[in-house]
Structures are given as C-alpha cells and as structure tokens.
Amino acid sequence: YLTLLALTTQPDDWAGGVAISPPTDLTAMYRSDDAHYRAWCTHFLGGPPEEKRELYRDRSPINHLERLMARLLILAGENDPIVTLQPVKEFAEEAKKRGLPVDLVVERDEGHGSLRNVNAIRDTVLMLERLKSFYESQIGR
C-alpha cells in the first residue's frame, strides 16, 4: 500500500517499486471487507467513507494513478481474503490503458502473500531482480 501511495503521490522521488497485496481503493475495500477491517479503517481514518469521503479518496492510490511515472511490480494472491484481487486488477488495467509502467503478477493458489516456500523464493528472486533493474536504470547501466 505504501509503495503505491508513494509512487503515485511523490512520483519524482522513486525509480520503481514492488507492492505486495496492496490495497488500491480504500473505499472499495471498506465496502467489500470484513468487520475487523472496517473497524481498523474507522479507527485510523477517523470514520467510515460516508463521513470521511475526501480522506479515503486522497489515501487511495487509484485516485492518483495519473501521476505514476516509476516502474511498478505488483504481486497479488489469487485467493487473497484481505485485499481482493479485482480492485488490484482494475488498478493494473487502468495503468496499462494509460501506458503506465505497471506489471501485475497474480500468484495462483496463494492468498495475502506467499505461504509456499517455492512461491516465496520465486517472489523474492523476482522482486530482487526487478529492484536491481530499477536501480540500474537510474545510474545508467
């Protein structure tokens, strides 16, 4: 989440980023998630989306997508019960429509992060390779 928010609200400060199971739209998540998450949002954002509409909008990366410049890799679990896949897919699809540098990797048979060792190792290697390429593009290698 913080990676998406940083890349979309402070675009000049980043060469790229990797986001794992990131919320993209806090209002959509509030409406689709469980009571525990809604209580968390109400506590940390000071109320539900109906009362804090602008705050939820401002804190949702999807609403700042047009400012994205840095390359972004998103890893999302196909069966994530916390951050459902559909809003993440919508974020990636909208980015692609706008020609923005976003790659989405959907982890089959995984939830909120990779639990299987083979998948966790694969994800770590993918993240490190991608971050290395972001760095090298900044220093001109």
Protein backbone atom coordinates (compact mmCIF):
# COMPACT_ATOMS: atom_id res chain seq x y z
CA TYR A 1 0.00 0.00 0.00
CA LEU A 2 2.68 2.50 0.97
CA THR A 3 4.64 1.69 -2.18
CA LEU A 4 1.63 2.50 -4.35
CA LEU A 5 0.83 5.65 -2.42
CA ALA A 6 4.44 6.85 -2.57
CA LEU A 7 4.81 6.15 -6.29
CA THR A 8 1.54 7.89 -7.13
CA THR A 9 1.80 10.91 -4.81
CA GLN A 10 5.58 11.55 -4.90
CA PRO A 11 6.45 10.42 -8.42
CA ASP A 12 9.74 12.29 -8.72
CA ASP A 13 11.30 10.51 -5.74
CA TRP A 14 11.29 6.90 -6.96
CA ALA A 15 12.93 4.80 -9.68
CA GLY A 16 10.45 1.99 -9.14
CA GLY A 17 8.77 -0.16 -6.58
CA VAL A 18 7.29 -3.51 -5.67
CA ALA A 19 3.90 -3.75 -3.98
CA ILE A 20 2.70 -6.99 -2.41
CA SER A 21 -1.06 -7.47 -1.96
CA PRO A 22 -1.66 -3.70 -1.99
CA PRO A 23 -4.97 -2.00 -1.31
CA THR A 24 -5.66 0.29 -4.26
CA ASP A 25 -9.01 1.80 -3.30
CA LEU A 26 -9.77 2.16 0.42
CA THR A 27 -13.46 2.87 -0.11
CA ALA A 28 -13.94 -0.25 -2.22
CA MET A 29 -12.02 -2.28 0.32
CA TYR A 30 -14.09 -0.89 3.17
CA ARG A 31 -17.27 -1.96 1.43
CA SER A 32 -16.05 -5.44 0.47
CA ASP A 33 -14.04 -6.45 3.53
CA ASP A 34 -14.93 -7.82 6.94
CA ALA A 35 -15.97 -6.01 10.13
CA HIS A 36 -12.42 -6.11 11.53
CA TYR A 37 -11.03 -4.18 8.55
CA ARG A 38 -13.91 -1.71 8.64
CA ALA A 39 -13.19 -1.09 12.35
CA TRP A 40 -9.50 -0.59 11.51
CA CYS A 41 -10.38 1.99 8.83
CA THR A 42 -12.82 3.77 11.09
CA HIS A 43 -10.19 3.99 13.82
CA PHE A 44 -7.24 5.11 11.68
CA LEU A 45 -9.14 7.28 9.19
CA GLY A 46 -11.50 8.78 11.76
CA GLY A 47 -14.72 7.32 10.41
CA PRO A 48 -16.30 5.38 7.55
CA PRO A 49 -16.08 6.53 3.92
CA GLU A 50 -19.50 8.17 4.15
CA GLU A 51 -18.12 10.57 6.79
CA LYS A 52 -14.55 10.91 5.51
CA ARG A 53 -15.08 10.76 1.75
CA GLU A 54 -12.20 13.06 0.77
CA LEU A 55 -9.74 11.38 3.14
CA TYR A 56 -10.50 7.90 1.76
CA ARG A 57 -10.24 9.30 -1.76
CA ASP A 58 -6.94 11.03 -1.05
CA ARG A 59 -5.42 7.92 0.57
CA SER A 60 -6.42 5.61 -2.30
CA PRO A 61 -3.64 5.10 -4.87
CA ILE A 62 -6.15 4.53 -7.69
CA ASN A 63 -7.11 8.21 -7.42
CA HIS A 64 -3.53 9.33 -8.09
CA LEU A 65 -2.70 6.86 -10.84
CA GLU A 66 -2.21 9.56 -13.47
CA ARG A 67 0.89 10.77 -11.60
CA LEU A 68 2.67 7.39 -11.70
CA MET A 69 5.98 7.58 -13.58
CA ALA A 70 8.19 4.94 -11.94
CA ARG A 71 8.04 1.30 -12.91
CA LEU A 72 5.94 -0.85 -10.64
CA LEU A 73 5.65 -4.57 -10.00
CA ILE A 74 2.53 -5.73 -8.15
CA LEU A 75 2.31 -9.22 -6.64
CA ALA A 76 -1.20 -10.27 -5.70
CA GLY A 77 -2.68 -13.52 -4.44
CA GLU A 78 -5.44 -15.12 -6.46
CA ASN A 79 -7.22 -16.11 -3.23
CA ASP A 80 -6.42 -13.13 -1.02
CA PRO A 81 -9.26 -12.72 1.52
CA ILE A 82 -7.93 -9.38 2.77
CA VAL A 83 -7.06 -7.47 -0.42
CA THR A 84 -9.32 -8.98 -3.04
CA LEU A 85 -7.88 -9.36 -6.50
CA GLN A 86 -10.45 -7.40 -8.51
CA PRO A 87 -9.51 -3.86 -7.36
CA VAL A 88 -5.81 -4.68 -7.84
CA LYS A 89 -6.55 -5.91 -11.37
CA GLU A 90 -8.54 -2.75 -12.08
CA PHE A 91 -5.59 -0.62 -10.94
CA ALA A 92 -3.20 -2.54 -13.22
CA GLU A 93 -5.62 -2.48 -16.17
CA GLU A 94 -6.19 1.26 -15.85
CA ALA A 95 -2.42 1.80 -15.67
CA LYS A 96 -1.93 -0.25 -18.84
CA LYS A 97 -4.66 1.73 -20.64
CA ARG A 98 -2.75 4.90 -19.79
CA GLY A 99 0.55 3.39 -20.93
CA LEU A 100 1.98 3.42 -17.42
CA PRO A 101 4.80 1.03 -16.41
CA VAL A 102 2.90 -1.47 -14.26
CA ASP A 103 3.27 -5.25 -14.24
CA LEU A 104 0.86 -7.42 -12.29
CA VAL A 105 1.82 -10.95 -11.27
CA VAL A 106 -1.08 -12.96 -9.88
CA GLU A 107 0.04 -15.72 -7.57
CA ARG A 108 -2.06 -18.81 -8.22
CA ASP A 109 -3.23 -20.69 -5.14
CA GLU A 110 -1.90 -18.01 -2.80
CA GLY A 111 -3.62 -15.55 -0.52
CA HIS A 112 -2.29 -12.46 1.25
CA GLY A 113 1.37 -13.15 0.48
CA SER A 114 3.05 -16.41 -0.50
CA LEU A 115 2.86 -19.23 2.03
CA ARG A 116 4.50 -21.97 -0.01
CA ASN A 117 8.31 -21.91 0.13
CA VAL A 118 8.74 -22.36 -3.61
CA ASN A 119 6.45 -19.39 -4.29
CA ALA A 120 8.08 -17.23 -1.63
CA ILE A 121 11.52 -17.94 -3.10
CA ARG A 122 10.29 -17.21 -6.63
CA ASP A 123 8.67 -13.94 -5.47
CA THR A 124 11.82 -12.85 -3.64
CA VAL A 125 14.00 -13.51 -6.68
CA LEU A 126 11.53 -11.66 -8.93
CA MET A 127 11.43 -8.68 -6.55
CA LEU A 128 15.21 -8.50 -6.23
CA GLU A 129 15.71 -8.73 -9.99
CA ARG A 130 13.13 -6.03 -10.60
CA LEU A 131 14.52 -3.72 -7.92
CA LYS A 132 18.02 -4.21 -9.33
CA SER A 133 16.78 -3.23 -12.79
CA PHE A 134 15.10 -0.09 -11.33
CA TYR A 135 18.36 0.87 -9.65
CA GLU A 136 20.49 0.20 -12.72
CA SER A 137 18.18 2.27 -14.90
CA GLN A 138 18.72 5.19 -12.54
CA ILE A 139 22.51 5.00 -12.61
CA GLY A 140 22.69 4.36 -16.34
CA ARG A 141 23.90 0.77 -16.50
